Amino acid sequence: MRILYLVKKELTEIFRQKELLPLLFIAPMIQIVILGYVVRTDIEHVPVEIVNLSSNQAAHKIINRIVNTPLFDVRSVTANPPVGVMATLKKGKVKAVIVFRDSFDKKKTPLKYPEIQILMDGIDSNTSAIAAGYFNGIIKKYILEDIESTGLSLPVESKPLIRFNPELRSINYMGPGIVGLLLTILTLFLTSVSIVREKEQQTMDTLLISRLTPLEIYIGKALPMAIVGLVQMSLGIVVVILWFRIPVRGNLWYLLLSALIFLSAILSYALLISTIASTQQQALFFSWFSMVTFILLSGLFTPVENIPPGLKFLADINPVRYLIEIIREIFLKGNSVAYFTRELGALAAIAVVITTISLLNFRRFISK
């Protein structure tokens, strides 16, 4: 029962800061909405310029398809030779220039389909690769439909079947990960200043001479932040489900279990920072450095498989990585614990190690 008074004291200290409450419960929801629209891999309205030097009827039909698709924003369609193509790309006015020319066989006989050259601005390699794929898809689809209109068909045709995210909406992939990201940021920052704040306010001695044991003080500091974190995560899940209409195919109780294990790891790490730091500014700096590292190695924005082998161990000990993987397993695949036992076990092992180190350091801290 004594620990409940410390928990109440910590919650009171959080909620009495009126200016902090909007940052705790309103700002994260706004961030989820903004990031949900911004942090996407879907490519739309790519600015392009079309140079049509072909008299081929197929060229006009393909150009019409490009103009009428929302994937591209066609700035101009000209019949002038592409003299200043490089200058156009250098100025950044367009991301691609598509040139259509008549094609001929060895006997100089005009062919049915034109020659198509696509010049891409490769500064943003991701956008360029996806846009090039869109171009190729439009061209191949037109040729396939044209062949089928003659009563012929290709001898081999691939028909990919996309499971779990059939519409290929990037928000379905990114949205749940953003919830885990905000859970990490807020709990890490809030908890990392909890003990060092007691030192600066010279109230730590009051806690130490009370009847509370070191373990009770430790839990009393972590538990309120865990409650706040779970509330924030719940609100974030409601936002991504209702606002972005992301389907939840799995059991959210599995997510709660994973979140509790994750919070024990991240809160222990934050309390470790709080005992090491001498001031709140130092604690915030350590938290910021840790947060950036956690995010970059989490697989939220880039696949973990892209990390060089020499640095892969950093991703393997990153608790945020496993939380995001579990969230996606539950949201998109509807998997039960049996399908992410490895991730849950790794997360639990990290939590045990960090909690043990943090507790030992906390005992050393209060014994000074």
Protein backbone atom coordinates (compact mmCIF):
# COMPACT_ATOMS: atom_id res chain seq x y z
CA MET A 1 0.00 0.00 0.00
CA ARG A 2 2.89 2.40 0.70
CA ILE A 3 3.90 2.32 -2.93
CA LEU A 4 0.47 3.62 -3.95
CA TYR A 5 1.13 6.89 -2.14
CA LEU A 6 4.31 7.38 -4.15
CA VAL A 7 2.44 6.56 -7.35
CA LYS A 8 -0.25 9.09 -6.38
CA LYS A 9 2.45 11.66 -5.63
CA GLU A 10 4.07 11.14 -9.05
CA LEU A 11 0.74 11.36 -10.89
CA THR A 12 -0.19 14.48 -8.95
CA GLU A 13 3.13 16.07 -9.90
CA ILE A 14 2.47 15.29 -13.56
CA PHE A 15 -1.13 16.48 -13.69
CA ARG A 16 -0.60 19.66 -11.71
CA GLN A 17 1.55 20.96 -14.56
CA LYS A 18 -1.34 22.26 -16.61
CA GLU A 19 0.87 23.27 -19.53
CA LEU A 20 2.20 19.70 -19.76
CA LEU A 21 -1.17 17.96 -20.11
CA PRO A 22 -1.82 19.03 -23.73
CA LEU A 23 1.67 17.79 -24.62
CA LEU A 24 0.91 14.45 -22.99
CA PHE A 25 -2.48 13.63 -24.43
CA ILE A 26 -3.34 16.03 -27.27
CA ALA A 27 0.00 16.60 -29.01
CA PRO A 28 0.64 12.86 -29.60
CA MET A 29 -2.72 12.49 -31.31
CA ILE A 30 -1.97 15.46 -33.56
CA GLN A 31 1.47 14.00 -34.29
CA ILE A 32 -0.04 10.66 -35.29
CA VAL A 33 -2.41 12.38 -37.74
CA ILE A 34 0.34 14.57 -39.22
CA LEU A 35 2.91 11.78 -39.45
CA GLY A 36 0.27 9.46 -40.87
CA TYR A 37 -0.09 11.79 -43.87
CA VAL A 38 3.58 12.73 -44.16
CA VAL A 39 5.53 9.56 -43.37
CA ARG A 40 4.31 7.50 -46.30
CA THR A 41 6.05 5.58 -49.03
CA ASP A 42 3.16 6.02 -51.47
CA ILE A 43 4.20 8.21 -54.39
CA GLU A 44 1.60 10.49 -56.00
CA HIS A 45 1.61 13.57 -58.21
CA VAL A 46 5.20 13.13 -59.35
CA PRO A 47 5.98 16.15 -61.58
CA VAL A 48 6.96 15.00 -65.08
CA GLU A 49 7.49 16.48 -68.52
CA ILE A 50 6.62 14.56 -71.70
CA VAL A 51 8.40 15.05 -75.01
CA ASN A 52 6.53 13.34 -77.84
CA LEU A 53 8.66 13.01 -80.98
CA SER A 54 6.63 10.05 -82.25
CA SER A 55 3.81 9.97 -84.76
CA ASN A 56 2.84 6.54 -83.48
CA GLN A 57 -0.75 6.21 -82.33
CA ALA A 58 0.34 4.03 -79.42
CA ALA A 59 2.48 6.89 -78.09
CA HIS A 60 -0.58 9.16 -77.86
CA LYS A 61 -2.57 6.49 -76.01
CA ILE A 62 0.21 5.87 -73.49
CA ILE A 63 0.61 9.62 -72.95
CA ASN A 64 -3.13 9.93 -72.27
CA ARG A 65 -2.86 7.22 -69.64
CA ILE A 66 0.02 9.01 -67.94
CA VAL A 67 -1.83 12.33 -68.01
CA ASN A 68 -5.02 10.85 -66.53
CA THR A 69 -3.43 8.94 -63.67
CA PRO A 70 -3.12 10.61 -60.23
CA LEU A 71 0.34 9.10 -59.90
CA PHE A 72 1.87 11.81 -62.08
CA ASP A 73 1.49 15.54 -62.46
CA VAL A 74 2.24 16.20 -66.13
CA ARG A 75 3.57 19.76 -66.34
CA SER A 76 3.85 19.88 -70.13
CA VAL A 77 3.57 17.76 -73.28
CA THR A 78 5.73 19.09 -76.10
CA ALA A 79 6.87 17.94 -79.54
CA ASN A 80 10.16 19.83 -79.38
CA PRO A 81 13.49 18.00 -79.22
CA PRO A 82 14.62 17.56 -75.58
CA VAL A 83 17.57 19.96 -75.80
CA GLY A 84 17.43 21.25 -72.24
CA VAL A 85 16.50 18.05 -70.45
CA MET A 86 19.47 18.13 -68.09
CA ALA A 87 18.84 21.79 -67.27
CA THR A 88 15.20 21.00 -66.54
CA LEU A 89 16.15 18.18 -64.17
CA LYS A 90 18.86 20.30 -62.51
CA LYS A 91 16.39 23.07 -61.76
CA GLY A 92 14.15 20.55 -60.01
CA LYS A 93 11.05 21.60 -61.93
CA VAL A 94 10.23 17.97 -62.68
CA LYS A 95 11.35 14.60 -61.36
CA ALA A 96 11.30 12.88 -64.75
CA VAL A 97 11.30 13.59 -68.47
CA ILE A 98 9.67 10.98 -70.74
CA VAL A 99 10.71 10.99 -74.37
CA PHE A 100 8.72 9.12 -77.05
CA ARG A 101 10.37 8.37 -80.40
CA ASP A 102 9.40 6.28 -83.40
CA SER A 103 11.08 2.88 -83.43
CA PHE A 104 12.20 0.95 -86.51
CA ASP A 105 13.42 -2.52 -87.26
CA LYS A 106 16.62 -3.37 -89.15
CA LYS A 107 14.87 -2.68 -92.47
CA LYS A 108 13.86 0.80 -91.28
CA THR A 109 10.23 -0.28 -91.12
CA PRO A 110 8.23 1.54 -88.41
CA LEU A 111 7.28 -0.70 -85.50
CA LYS A 112 3.90 -0.78 -83.81
CA TYR A 113 5.14 0.54 -80.46
CA PRO A 114 7.32 3.60 -79.92
CA GLU A 115 10.70 3.80 -78.25
CA ILE A 116 10.34 5.26 -74.78
CA GLN A 117 13.17 6.86 -72.83
CA ILE A 118 12.66 7.82 -69.18
CA LEU A 119 15.11 10.31 -67.66
CA MET A 120 14.85 10.37 -63.87
CA ASP A 121 16.13 12.73 -61.19
CA GLY A 122 17.92 10.22 -58.97
CA ILE A 123 18.59 12.47 -55.97
CA ASP A 124 15.64 10.91 -54.17
CA SER A 125 16.37 7.30 -55.03
CA ASN A 126 13.21 5.96 -53.39
CA THR A 127 10.88 8.26 -55.34
CA SER A 128 12.78 7.62 -58.57
CA ALA A 129 12.61 3.84 -58.21
CA ILE A 130 8.89 3.82 -57.39
CA ALA A 131 8.05 6.32 -60.16
CA ALA A 132 10.03 4.25 -62.68
CA GLY A 133 8.04 1.20 -61.58
CA TYR A 134 4.81 3.13 -62.14
CA PHE A 135 5.93 4.13 -65.65
CA ASN A 136 6.82 0.57 -66.55
CA GLY A 137 3.53 -0.68 -65.14
CA ILE A 138 1.49 1.74 -67.26
CA ILE A 139 3.42 0.84 -70.41
CA LYS A 140 3.26 -2.91 -69.84
CA LYS A 141 -0.45 -2.78 -69.02
CA TYR A 142 -1.18 -0.89 -72.23
CA ILE A 143 0.81 -3.35 -74.36
CA LEU A 144 -0.84 -6.32 -72.65
CA GLU A 145 -4.34 -4.91 -73.23
CA ASP A 146 -3.46 -4.11 -76.83
CA ILE A 147 -2.28 -7.69 -77.43
CA GLU A 148 -5.41 -9.13 -75.81
CA SER A 149 -7.62 -6.90 -77.98
CA THR A 150 -6.34 -8.82 -81.04
CA GLY A 151 -7.49 -12.10 -79.53
CA LEU A 152 -4.02 -13.18 -78.51
CA SER A 153 -2.65 -13.68 -75.03
CA LEU A 154 0.74 -14.03 -73.42
CA PRO A 155 1.90 -17.63 -72.92
CA VAL A 156 2.98 -16.83 -69.38
CA GLU A 157 1.32 -14.29 -67.14
CA SER A 158 2.13 -13.54 -63.52
CA LYS A 159 -0.74 -12.84 -61.14
CA PRO A 160 0.64 -11.75 -57.77
CA LEU A 161 -1.60 -12.27 -54.77
CA ILE A 162 -0.91 -9.71 -52.05
CA ARG A 163 -1.87 -10.78 -48.56
CA PHE A 164 -2.32 -8.81 -45.32
CA ASN A 165 -2.18 -5.39 -47.05
CA PRO A 166 -3.80 -5.97 -50.46
CA GLU A 167 -4.29 -2.27 -51.19
CA LEU A 168 -0.59 -1.62 -50.50
CA ARG A 169 -1.47 1.38 -48.32
CA SER A 170 1.71 2.54 -46.66
CA ILE A 171 -0.27 4.02 -43.76
CA ASN A 172 -1.35 0.49 -42.82
CA TYR A 173 2.34 -0.31 -42.43
CA MET A 174 3.53 2.97 -40.92
CA GLY A 175 0.57 3.91 -38.70
CA PRO A 176 0.93 1.20 -36.04
CA GLY A 177 4.68 1.80 -35.97
CA ILE A 178 4.13 5.50 -35.30
CA VAL A 179 2.05 4.59 -32.24
CA GLY A 180 4.97 2.56 -30.87
CA LEU A 181 7.34 5.40 -31.70
CA LEU A 182 5.34 8.00 -29.74
CA LEU A 183 5.00 5.59 -26.83
CA THR A 184 8.80 5.40 -26.74
CA ILE A 185 9.43 9.13 -26.99
CA LEU A 186 7.02 10.30 -24.31
CA THR A 187 7.76 7.65 -21.69
CA LEU A 188 11.51 7.95 -22.25
CA PHE A 189 11.58 11.72 -21.84
CA LEU A 190 9.19 11.87 -18.89
CA THR A 191 10.84 9.09 -16.92
CA SER A 192 14.44 10.13 -17.54
CA VAL A 193 13.95 13.36 -15.56
CA SER A 194 11.98 11.85 -12.66
CA ILE A 195 14.83 10.97 -10.28
CA VAL A 196 17.18 13.74 -11.34
CA ARG A 197 14.33 16.19 -10.68
CA GLU A 198 14.15 14.90 -7.10
CA LYS A 199 17.87 15.57 -6.78
CA GLU A 200 17.57 19.11 -8.12
CA GLN A 201 14.60 19.88 -5.89
CA GLN A 202 16.44 18.30 -2.94
CA THR A 203 13.50 16.02 -2.16
CA MET A 204 15.37 12.77 -2.77
CA ASP A 205 16.54 12.59 0.84
CA THR A 206 12.90 12.74 1.96
CA LEU A 207 12.15 9.61 -0.06
CA LEU A 208 15.25 7.83 1.21
CA ILE A 209 14.44 8.37 4.90
CA SER A 210 10.85 7.25 4.45
CA ARG A 211 9.67 3.69 5.02
CA LEU A 212 9.83 3.01 1.31
CA THR A 213 12.37 0.41 0.24
CA PRO A 214 14.62 1.08 -2.77
CA LEU A 215 12.54 -1.33 -4.85
CA GLU A 216 9.32 0.45 -3.88
CA ILE A 217 10.82 3.82 -4.81
CA TYR A 218 11.95 2.38 -8.13
CA ILE A 219 8.53 0.90 -8.93
CA GLY A 220 6.77 4.00 -7.66
CA LYS A 221 8.73 6.08 -10.17
CA ALA A 222 8.14 3.73 -13.10
CA LEU A 223 4.49 2.74 -12.57
CA PRO A 224 2.90 6.21 -13.12
CA MET A 225 4.80 6.61 -16.38
CA ALA A 226 3.66 3.16 -17.47
CA ILE A 227 0.05 4.16 -16.82
CA VAL A 228 0.47 7.38 -18.80
CA GLY A 229 2.17 5.46 -21.61
CA LEU A 230 -0.62 2.89 -21.85
CA VAL A 231 -3.24 5.64 -21.97
CA GLN A 232 -1.33 7.39 -24.75
CA MET A 233 -0.95 4.14 -26.69
CA SER A 234 -4.67 3.42 -26.35
CA LEU A 235 -5.56 6.88 -27.67
CA GLY A 236 -3.07 6.44 -30.52
CA ILE A 237 -4.61 3.11 -31.50
CA VAL A 238 -8.07 4.69 -31.55
CA VAL A 239 -6.77 7.44 -33.84
CA VAL A 240 -5.13 5.11 -36.38
CA ILE A 241 -8.19 2.86 -36.44
CA LEU A 242 -10.89 5.53 -36.73
CA TRP A 243 -9.03 8.28 -38.59
CA PHE A 244 -6.93 6.24 -41.02
CA ARG A 245 -9.24 3.20 -41.03
CA ILE A 246 -6.39 0.79 -40.43
CA PRO A 247 -7.80 -2.71 -39.87
CA VAL A 248 -6.97 -4.61 -36.69
CA ARG A 249 -6.89 -8.29 -37.54
CA GLY A 250 -5.35 -9.54 -34.30
CA ASN A 251 -6.11 -9.52 -30.61
CA LEU A 252 -5.24 -6.24 -28.91
CA TRP A 253 -4.70 -8.07 -25.60
CA TYR A 254 -1.53 -9.49 -27.15
CA LEU A 255 -0.48 -5.91 -27.89
CA LEU A 256 -1.13 -4.96 -24.26
CA LEU A 257 1.08 -7.81 -23.09
CA SER A 258 3.85 -6.76 -25.46
CA ALA A 259 3.50 -3.10 -24.44
CA LEU A 260 3.87 -3.99 -20.74
CA ILE A 261 7.09 -5.91 -21.42
CA PHE A 262 8.34 -3.10 -23.63
CA LEU A 263 7.54 -0.45 -21.02
CA SER A 264 9.46 -2.38 -18.36
CA ALA A 265 12.51 -2.19 -20.64
CA ILE A 266 12.21 1.43 -21.80
CA LEU A 267 11.26 2.76 -18.35
CA SER A 268 14.17 0.91 -16.73
CA TYR A 269 16.49 2.43 -19.31
CA ALA A 270 15.03 5.89 -18.66
CA LEU A 271 15.49 5.48 -14.89
CA LEU A 272 19.07 4.38 -15.53
CA ILE A 273 19.61 7.65 -17.39
CA SER A 274 17.98 9.56 -14.55
CA THR A 275 20.36 8.12 -11.96
CA ILE A 276 23.44 8.76 -14.10
CA ALA A 277 22.59 12.34 -15.12
CA SER A 278 23.36 15.21 -12.78
CA THR A 279 20.80 17.65 -14.19
CA GLN A 280 17.53 17.48 -16.09
CA GLN A 281 19.27 18.97 -19.14
CA GLN A 282 21.76 16.11 -19.16
CA ALA A 283 18.96 13.56 -18.80
CA LEU A 284 17.07 15.10 -21.73
CA PHE A 285 20.21 15.09 -23.86
CA PHE A 286 20.88 11.41 -23.13
CA SER A 287 17.23 10.63 -23.87
CA TRP A 288 17.33 12.51 -27.16
CA PHE A 289 20.47 10.70 -28.29
CA SER A 290 18.96 7.34 -27.29
CA MET A 291 15.64 8.10 -28.96
CA VAL A 292 17.25 8.93 -32.31
CA THR A 293 19.28 5.72 -32.16
CA PHE A 294 16.22 3.66 -31.24
CA ILE A 295 14.22 5.12 -34.14
CA LEU A 296 16.91 4.69 -36.80
CA LEU A 297 17.50 1.07 -35.78
CA SER A 298 13.85 0.13 -35.29
CA GLY A 299 12.92 -0.75 -38.85
CA LEU A 300 10.18 1.89 -38.89
CA PHE A 301 11.55 3.83 -41.87
CA THR A 302 14.09 1.42 -43.36
CA PRO A 303 14.23 -2.39 -43.21
CA VAL A 304 16.43 -3.86 -40.49
CA GLU A 305 17.91 -6.13 -43.16
CA ASN A 306 19.57 -3.06 -44.73
CA ILE A 307 21.74 -2.50 -41.64
CA PRO A 308 25.37 -3.59 -42.22
CA PRO A 309 26.30 -6.85 -40.48
CA GLY A 310 28.83 -5.09 -38.26
CA LEU A 311 26.09 -2.88 -36.78
CA LYS A 312 23.28 -5.44 -36.81
CA PHE A 313 23.81 -6.22 -33.12
CA LEU A 314 22.61 -2.70 -32.26
CA ALA A 315 19.26 -3.47 -33.88
CA ASP A 316 19.15 -6.84 -32.11
CA ILE A 317 19.28 -5.14 -28.69
CA ASN A 318 16.83 -2.39 -29.62
CA PRO A 319 13.50 -2.93 -27.81
CA VAL A 320 11.66 -0.51 -30.13
CA ARG A 321 12.41 -2.78 -33.08
CA TYR A 322 10.62 -5.74 -31.51
CA LEU A 323 7.63 -3.67 -30.37
CA ILE A 324 7.09 -2.34 -33.90
CA GLU A 325 7.42 -5.83 -35.38
CA ILE A 326 4.86 -7.19 -32.92
CA ILE A 327 2.44 -4.30 -33.54
CA ARG A 328 2.57 -4.96 -37.29
CA GLU A 329 2.11 -8.70 -36.76
CA ILE A 330 -1.04 -8.03 -34.74
CA PHE A 331 -2.50 -5.25 -36.89
CA LEU A 332 -1.77 -6.51 -40.39
CA LYS A 333 -1.44 -10.28 -40.10
CA GLY A 334 -3.71 -10.96 -37.13
CA ASN A 335 -1.12 -13.31 -35.67
CA SER A 336 -1.24 -14.73 -32.17
CA VAL A 337 1.66 -15.03 -29.75
CA ALA A 338 2.73 -18.27 -31.40
CA TYR A 339 3.79 -16.33 -34.50
CA PHE A 340 5.93 -13.72 -32.74
CA THR A 341 7.32 -15.77 -29.88
CA ARG A 342 10.89 -14.96 -30.95
CA GLU A 343 10.27 -11.20 -30.93
CA LEU A 344 8.41 -11.36 -27.62
CA GLY A 345 11.17 -13.50 -26.09
CA ALA A 346 13.87 -11.10 -27.29
CA LEU A 347 11.90 -8.16 -25.91
CA ALA A 348 11.49 -9.92 -22.55
CA ALA A 349 15.22 -10.77 -22.41
CA ILE A 350 16.14 -7.14 -23.12
CA ALA A 351 13.69 -6.00 -20.44
CA VAL A 352 15.20 -8.38 -17.85
CA VAL A 353 18.76 -7.28 -18.61
CA ILE A 354 18.02 -3.54 -18.62
CA THR A 355 15.84 -3.77 -15.49
CA THR A 356 18.55 -5.70 -13.62
CA ILE A 357 21.26 -3.20 -14.58
CA SER A 358 19.00 -0.27 -13.75
CA LEU A 359 18.02 -1.71 -10.34
CA LEU A 360 21.65 -2.42 -9.41
CA ASN A 361 22.66 1.09 -10.42
CA PHE A 362 19.70 2.54 -8.49
CA ARG A 363 20.77 0.70 -5.33
CA ARG A 364 24.29 2.02 -5.79
CA PHE A 365 22.90 5.51 -6.35
CA ILE A 366 20.85 5.61 -3.13
CA SER A 367 23.66 4.11 -1.08
CA LYS A 368 25.94 7.09 -1.75
